Structures are given as structure tokens and as C-alpha cells.
Amino acid sequence: MAAPTRRRRRLELAAFLRSRRARVTPEDVGMPPGLRRRTPGLRREEVAQLSGVGVTWYTWLEQGRPINASSQVLDAVARTLRLDRPEREHLYHLAEVPFAPDHGAVDVEVVSPEIQGILDALAPHPAVVYNSRYDVLATNSTYEALFLPSAHDPVRNPLGIRNVLWTLFTIPDPACPVVDKRLELPLMVAQTRGAYGRHVGEPAWESFIRRLSEASPEFERLWRSGDVVPPGTRVKTFRHDLVGEVRMTSVSLSINGMPECRIVAYTPNDEESRRAIERLRGD
């Protein structure tokens, strides 16, 4: 990381810690309020004491000085400052430390009824909610009909894993819904690799990458390439047993309150594809 970027990150970390410290009162952590407090919230030395770290070290951290922080120390500071999970993750990113969620935490995103309503309203266009690992979190009926027969087939997908990468890399080529795997799969892996940089060391991610690498030599080869690309709008061609080939444009939309999740909507790219989608919904 370039020096100016690293310096900017440290300054952002310092401001973030100061703002979180200001909102925690002594009473919140079981301390007497004391007298003559000139600033709201805890003092730096109180945060250091409650976190089990040196006052000088914490002061330097909050001043944006170039010091190293371990995950154990950041966890202790996060507990003292009563950070929730998104705040903890933000703290880790600013400190340039791989974020690992609590071992007891459930690694799943819950899609609200409002988001499901948006997916349903997009029909007859296929629509889905993915996270950054391509787990399928929610769909509408058109998406299910077009893309998921292979994923639901116990022979083609005996583990029943609802993940697009897993499906595309482990089912036989004749059953794969993507026509040009040589073009699409490297892009999908590169996009996932870009997201992985924010999750290095997290058990759920490391387990997924390891298991898919073991299941698919092709995925392992592409993963080792190290290529990275951002999400983007693309025209893709899919095949379906009942309606043949369908050419679709995919568009990604971010979701407030669900970091790294996105709605992906697919629109027919030509009249023939539009009619194919209508036939599919009628079957």
C-alpha cells in the first residue's frame, strides 16, 4: 500500500476510535462517573486500562501513528468501545488486520421481506441476491426456473450447496447453464478474489476456498492466477433444457444495510431471449 494511502487510513482509524470512545460513558463499563470530565465518554487511559493495553500504545493508535496491532488487541479495544460487528470489521480494515468474525457467529445474511418484494416485482426478469462469495441468498421464481434446476438436482449437486461458483465448477459441462465457461468463470473467480482481500483469514471464506479448490482443479488453477476484477454489467449467454439459449444483460445493485451483498437483475438482450423467458415462466 502506498505511503499516502496508509497515512490516510491511519488518520481515519484515529478519528473512528475517538468518535467511538466519545459515545461510551463510564457508567456503560461499570466505572464511577467521576468529576471534572472535560470530554464526553471515556478517557484514553480508561480505554487502555479496560482493554489491557498500554496507555502510550493506545494513545499512539488514536493519534494515527504507524504502530502494529494484533487481532487480539483490536478485539479487546472493540469490546471496550462496545463495537457491533460492522464497526469491528471497519476497525480491522482501517488497522490493516484481517477480520475474523466470532467463532460463534453465524456467517449468513438475512434478506428482508422488502428486498424479497423487490426481487418478486422484477419478474418476469430473473433476479437474485448474492453476497461477495456468490452464495445465493434470495431469488425470484424466474431465476429459480432459469438457473437452479442443476443446483437442486441431487445427482448433479449432492451437497445441495446454493452457491453459484460451486455449481458452475462442479456440475458436468453439458448441465452447466453458462454457455461460454472459458469467458465467464475466470471473471467470476477474479471478482471473488477481489472480495476475498477483505476476508483473508476468516474461517468461512478459507473453508469455502479450500473445499472448492479440492472439488475443482479448474477453480484452483484460476484462483492461483491472482487475477482481480470489480463487479460490472455484462452480457451473458445461458442455456436451458426447455427454451434453449438465452442472452441476458446482468446489472448489479447494492443493498443498504447488507454490506457486500447485491441484487443482480438479468434482462433479455434481444427479442428472441425475451420470448424464451416468457415461455419459461409459462411452463
Protein backbone atom coordinates (compact mmCIF):
# COMPACT_ATOMS: atom_id res chain seq x y z
CA MET A 1 0.00 0.00 0.00
CA ALA A 2 1.33 3.45 -0.92
CA ALA A 3 2.51 5.66 1.93
CA PRO A 4 -0.12 8.41 1.39
CA THR A 5 -2.89 5.81 1.39
CA ARG A 6 -1.55 4.19 4.54
CA ARG A 7 -1.29 7.59 6.22
CA ARG A 8 -4.87 8.41 5.24
CA ARG A 9 -6.01 5.06 6.64
CA ARG A 10 -4.28 5.76 9.97
CA LEU A 11 -5.92 9.18 10.23
CA GLU A 12 -9.32 7.62 9.53
CA LEU A 13 -8.61 4.98 12.20
CA ALA A 14 -7.73 7.70 14.72
CA ALA A 15 -10.92 9.63 14.02
CA PHE A 16 -13.02 6.48 14.21
CA LEU A 17 -11.58 5.48 17.61
CA ARG A 18 -12.10 8.97 19.02
CA SER A 19 -15.72 9.02 17.89
CA ARG A 20 -16.43 5.56 19.35
CA ARG A 21 -14.71 6.45 22.64
CA ALA A 22 -16.80 9.61 22.99
CA ARG A 23 -20.08 7.70 22.97
CA VAL A 24 -19.18 5.22 25.76
CA THR A 25 -19.78 6.58 29.24
CA PRO A 26 -18.05 5.38 32.42
CA GLU A 27 -21.40 4.03 33.60
CA ASP A 28 -21.60 1.86 30.44
CA VAL A 29 -18.50 -0.04 31.52
CA GLY A 30 -19.19 -0.10 35.27
CA MET A 31 -16.96 2.79 36.27
CA PRO A 32 -17.90 5.74 38.50
CA PRO A 33 -18.59 8.90 36.51
CA GLY A 34 -16.02 10.96 38.42
CA LEU A 35 -15.77 14.72 38.48
CA ARG A 36 -14.33 17.40 36.20
CA ARG A 37 -14.55 15.34 33.00
CA ARG A 38 -13.71 17.73 30.18
CA THR A 39 -14.75 15.45 27.32
CA PRO A 40 -17.72 13.13 26.78
CA GLY A 41 -17.18 9.42 27.02
CA LEU A 42 -14.16 7.53 28.28
CA ARG A 43 -10.65 8.88 28.61
CA ARG A 44 -7.83 7.30 26.62
CA GLU A 45 -6.25 5.87 29.75
CA GLU A 46 -9.57 4.28 30.71
CA VAL A 47 -9.88 2.59 27.33
CA ALA A 48 -6.30 1.34 27.67
CA GLN A 49 -6.92 0.03 31.18
CA LEU A 50 -10.16 -1.74 30.28
CA SER A 51 -8.58 -3.23 27.15
CA GLY A 52 -5.44 -4.42 28.92
CA VAL A 53 -3.06 -2.41 26.73
CA GLY A 54 -0.51 0.29 27.48
CA VAL A 55 -1.70 3.88 27.71
CA THR A 56 1.10 5.07 25.43
CA TRP A 57 0.35 2.39 22.84
CA TYR A 58 -3.37 3.23 22.73
CA THR A 59 -2.64 6.96 22.62
CA TRP A 60 -0.37 6.46 19.63
CA LEU A 61 -3.04 4.29 17.95
CA GLU A 62 -5.61 7.05 18.41
CA GLN A 63 -3.13 9.64 17.15
CA GLY A 64 -2.68 7.76 13.88
CA ARG A 65 0.95 6.85 14.48
CA PRO A 66 2.46 3.94 12.46
CA ILE A 67 2.20 1.12 15.02
CA ASN A 68 1.18 -2.51 14.58
CA ALA A 69 -1.93 -4.01 16.16
CA SER A 70 -2.79 -7.68 16.61
CA SER A 71 -6.27 -9.12 16.24
CA GLN A 72 -6.31 -9.94 19.97
CA VAL A 73 -5.61 -6.31 20.92
CA LEU A 74 -8.15 -4.98 18.43
CA ASP A 75 -10.75 -7.39 19.81
CA ALA A 76 -10.08 -6.09 23.33
CA VAL A 77 -10.44 -2.46 22.20
CA ALA A 78 -13.59 -3.33 20.27
CA ARG A 79 -15.16 -4.90 23.36
CA THR A 80 -14.30 -1.87 25.49
CA LEU A 81 -15.77 0.51 22.93
CA ARG A 82 -18.84 -1.73 22.52
CA LEU A 83 -18.46 -2.02 18.75
CA ASP A 84 -21.00 -4.03 16.80
CA ARG A 85 -19.92 -6.37 14.02
CA PRO A 86 -19.86 -3.80 11.16
CA GLU A 87 -17.87 -1.43 13.37
CA ARG A 88 -15.45 -4.19 14.36
CA GLU A 89 -14.94 -5.06 10.71
CA HIS A 90 -14.35 -1.39 9.89
CA LEU A 91 -11.80 -1.17 12.72
CA TYR A 92 -9.90 -4.17 11.36
CA HIS A 93 -9.82 -2.81 7.81
CA LEU A 94 -8.51 0.56 8.96
CA ALA A 95 -5.84 -1.14 11.08
CA GLU A 96 -4.91 -3.38 8.10
CA VAL A 97 -5.55 -6.56 10.06
CA PRO A 98 -7.52 -9.50 8.54
CA PHE A 99 -11.00 -9.55 10.03
CA ALA A 100 -12.21 -12.83 11.55
CA PRO A 101 -15.75 -12.93 12.95
CA ASP A 102 -16.52 -14.50 16.31
CA HIS A 103 -16.34 -18.29 16.11
CA GLY A 104 -19.91 -18.48 17.43
CA ALA A 105 -21.24 -16.03 14.88
CA VAL A 106 -23.44 -17.30 12.08
CA ASP A 107 -21.98 -16.45 8.67
CA VAL A 108 -25.26 -15.78 6.92
CA GLU A 109 -27.05 -12.71 5.63
CA VAL A 110 -30.79 -12.40 6.18
CA VAL A 111 -32.78 -10.95 3.28
CA SER A 112 -35.65 -8.76 4.47
CA PRO A 113 -39.22 -9.11 3.17
CA GLU A 114 -38.78 -5.72 1.48
CA ILE A 115 -35.81 -6.95 -0.56
CA GLN A 116 -37.66 -10.16 -1.42
CA GLY A 117 -40.56 -7.99 -2.58
CA ILE A 118 -38.23 -6.11 -4.94
CA LEU A 119 -36.98 -9.40 -6.41
CA ASP A 120 -40.54 -10.61 -6.96
CA ALA A 121 -41.54 -7.28 -8.53
CA LEU A 122 -38.70 -7.58 -11.06
CA ALA A 123 -40.31 -10.68 -12.58
CA PRO A 124 -40.51 -11.72 -15.36
CA HIS A 125 -36.84 -10.75 -15.30
CA PRO A 126 -34.66 -13.13 -13.27
CA ALA A 127 -33.28 -11.52 -10.10
CA VAL A 128 -31.19 -12.76 -7.19
CA VAL A 129 -29.33 -11.56 -4.10
CA TYR A 130 -25.69 -12.68 -3.95
CA ASN A 131 -23.08 -12.00 -1.32
CA SER A 132 -19.46 -11.40 -2.34
CA ARG A 133 -18.80 -15.16 -2.29
CA TYR A 134 -21.68 -15.82 -4.74
CA ASP A 135 -23.86 -17.54 -2.15
CA VAL A 136 -27.48 -17.44 -3.33
CA LEU A 137 -29.36 -15.62 -0.54
CA ALA A 138 -32.73 -14.99 -2.22
CA THR A 139 -34.28 -15.29 -5.69
CA ASN A 140 -37.45 -14.73 -7.62
CA SER A 141 -39.30 -17.50 -9.43
CA THR A 142 -37.83 -16.72 -12.86
CA TYR A 143 -34.27 -17.01 -11.56
CA GLU A 144 -35.15 -20.34 -9.95
CA ALA A 145 -36.62 -21.66 -13.19
CA LEU A 146 -33.74 -20.47 -15.37
CA PHE A 147 -30.67 -21.17 -13.26
CA LEU A 148 -31.34 -23.55 -10.40
CA PRO A 149 -32.52 -26.90 -11.80
CA SER A 150 -28.90 -28.10 -11.76
CA ALA A 151 -28.34 -26.73 -8.28
CA HIS A 152 -31.39 -28.59 -6.94
CA ASP A 153 -30.58 -31.88 -8.71
CA PRO A 154 -29.28 -34.31 -6.02
CA VAL A 155 -27.18 -36.12 -8.63
CA ARG A 156 -25.55 -33.01 -10.08
CA ASN A 157 -25.24 -31.24 -6.70
CA PRO A 158 -25.30 -33.93 -3.98
CA LEU A 159 -24.30 -31.48 -1.24
CA GLY A 160 -27.15 -29.08 -2.07
CA ILE A 161 -24.86 -26.05 -1.84
CA ARG A 162 -26.60 -22.85 -3.02
CA ASN A 163 -23.54 -21.12 -4.35
CA VAL A 164 -23.05 -20.14 -7.98
CA LEU A 165 -19.32 -20.80 -8.09
CA TRP A 166 -19.76 -24.22 -6.54
CA THR A 167 -22.48 -25.14 -9.04
CA LEU A 168 -20.61 -23.92 -12.12
CA PHE A 169 -17.33 -25.56 -11.21
CA THR A 170 -18.65 -28.92 -10.05
CA ILE A 171 -21.51 -29.89 -12.39
CA PRO A 172 -20.75 -31.61 -15.74
CA ASP A 173 -20.30 -29.31 -18.72
CA PRO A 174 -23.50 -30.43 -20.52
CA ALA A 175 -25.54 -29.39 -17.45
CA CYS A 176 -23.80 -26.03 -16.96
CA PRO A 177 -26.18 -23.10 -17.62
CA VAL A 178 -23.31 -20.82 -18.75
CA VAL A 179 -22.58 -21.26 -22.45
CA ASP A 180 -19.06 -19.78 -22.55
CA LYS A 181 -17.45 -21.02 -19.33
CA ARG A 182 -13.98 -20.09 -20.61
CA LEU A 183 -15.00 -16.41 -20.63
CA GLU A 184 -17.33 -16.18 -17.63
CA LEU A 185 -15.69 -18.36 -14.99
CA PRO A 186 -12.32 -16.53 -14.93
CA LEU A 187 -14.19 -13.23 -14.50
CA MET A 188 -16.30 -14.61 -11.65
CA VAL A 189 -13.25 -16.02 -9.88
CA ALA A 190 -11.37 -12.74 -10.32
CA GLN A 191 -14.33 -10.82 -8.89
CA THR A 192 -14.46 -13.18 -5.90
CA ARG A 193 -10.71 -12.82 -5.45
CA GLY A 194 -11.15 -9.07 -5.16
CA ALA A 195 -13.72 -9.55 -2.38
CA TYR A 196 -11.52 -12.14 -0.66
CA GLY A 197 -8.94 -9.46 0.12
CA ARG A 198 -11.34 -8.09 2.73
CA HIS A 199 -11.84 -11.53 4.33
CA VAL A 200 -8.40 -13.14 4.43
CA GLY A 201 -8.23 -15.43 7.44
CA GLU A 202 -11.98 -15.67 8.03
CA PRO A 203 -12.93 -19.31 8.67
CA ALA A 204 -15.99 -19.32 6.39
CA TRP A 205 -14.03 -17.92 3.44
CA GLU A 206 -10.95 -20.05 3.95
CA SER A 207 -13.08 -23.20 4.25
CA PHE A 208 -15.03 -22.37 1.09
CA ILE A 209 -11.91 -21.68 -0.98
CA ARG A 210 -10.23 -24.85 0.29
CA ARG A 211 -13.23 -27.11 -0.37
CA LEU A 212 -13.91 -25.73 -3.85
CA SER A 213 -10.21 -26.00 -4.75
CA GLU A 214 -10.31 -29.65 -3.71
CA ALA A 215 -13.51 -30.26 -5.69
CA SER A 216 -12.41 -28.43 -8.85
CA PRO A 217 -8.85 -28.31 -10.24
CA GLU A 218 -10.05 -25.67 -12.69
CA PHE A 219 -11.17 -23.38 -9.87
CA GLU A 220 -7.86 -23.94 -8.08
CA ARG A 221 -5.94 -23.00 -11.24
CA LEU A 222 -7.93 -19.81 -11.74
CA TRP A 223 -7.69 -18.92 -8.05
CA ARG A 224 -3.92 -19.27 -8.10
CA SER A 225 -3.71 -16.85 -11.04
CA GLY A 226 -4.40 -14.00 -8.61
CA ASP A 227 -6.47 -12.02 -11.12
CA VAL A 228 -8.83 -9.38 -9.66
CA VAL A 229 -11.72 -7.51 -11.33
CA PRO A 230 -14.65 -5.46 -9.91
CA PRO A 231 -18.32 -6.33 -10.49
CA GLY A 232 -19.75 -4.91 -13.67
CA THR A 233 -22.55 -5.00 -16.24
CA ARG A 234 -22.07 -7.77 -18.79
CA VAL A 235 -23.97 -9.64 -21.50
CA LYS A 236 -24.07 -13.37 -20.77
CA THR A 237 -25.47 -16.32 -22.68
CA PHE A 238 -27.21 -19.11 -20.78
CA ARG A 239 -28.73 -22.40 -21.86
CA HIS A 240 -31.85 -24.11 -20.59
CA ASP A 241 -33.17 -27.57 -21.45
CA LEU A 242 -36.65 -26.27 -22.32
CA VAL A 243 -36.09 -22.92 -24.05
CA GLY A 244 -32.56 -23.16 -25.45
CA GLU A 245 -30.05 -20.30 -25.32
CA VAL A 246 -30.94 -17.00 -23.65
CA ARG A 247 -28.82 -13.85 -23.92
CA MET A 248 -29.11 -11.65 -20.82
CA THR A 249 -27.60 -8.40 -19.56
CA SER A 250 -26.74 -8.53 -15.85
CA VAL A 251 -26.86 -5.41 -13.67
CA SER A 252 -25.69 -5.31 -10.02
CA LEU A 253 -27.37 -3.07 -7.43
CA SER A 254 -26.04 -2.54 -3.90
CA ILE A 255 -28.30 -3.05 -0.87
CA ASN A 256 -28.33 -0.65 2.07
CA GLY A 257 -27.70 -2.47 5.33
CA MET A 258 -26.21 -5.55 3.65
CA PRO A 259 -22.53 -4.81 3.03
CA GLU A 260 -21.01 -6.75 0.12
CA CYS A 261 -24.41 -8.10 -0.94
CA ARG A 262 -26.06 -7.09 -4.19
CA ILE A 263 -29.19 -7.58 -6.22
CA VAL A 264 -28.33 -8.90 -9.68
CA ALA A 265 -31.10 -8.45 -12.24
CA TYR A 266 -31.00 -10.09 -15.68
CA THR A 267 -32.79 -8.51 -18.65
CA PRO A 268 -33.19 -10.18 -22.07
CA ASN A 269 -30.73 -8.81 -24.60
CA ASP A 270 -32.91 -9.43 -27.67
CA GLU A 271 -36.47 -10.28 -28.64
CA GLU A 272 -35.76 -13.99 -29.01
CA SER A 273 -34.41 -14.13 -25.47
CA ARG A 274 -37.43 -12.20 -24.17
CA ARG A 275 -39.79 -14.74 -25.73
CA ALA A 276 -37.72 -17.59 -24.26
CA ILE A 277 -38.11 -16.12 -20.77
CA GLU A 278 -41.87 -15.80 -21.29
CA ARG A 279 -42.07 -19.45 -22.38
CA LEU A 280 -40.01 -20.50 -19.38
CA ARG A 281 -42.36 -18.72 -16.98
CA GLY A 282 -45.34 -20.32 -18.69
CA ASP A 283 -44.04 -23.87 -18.29
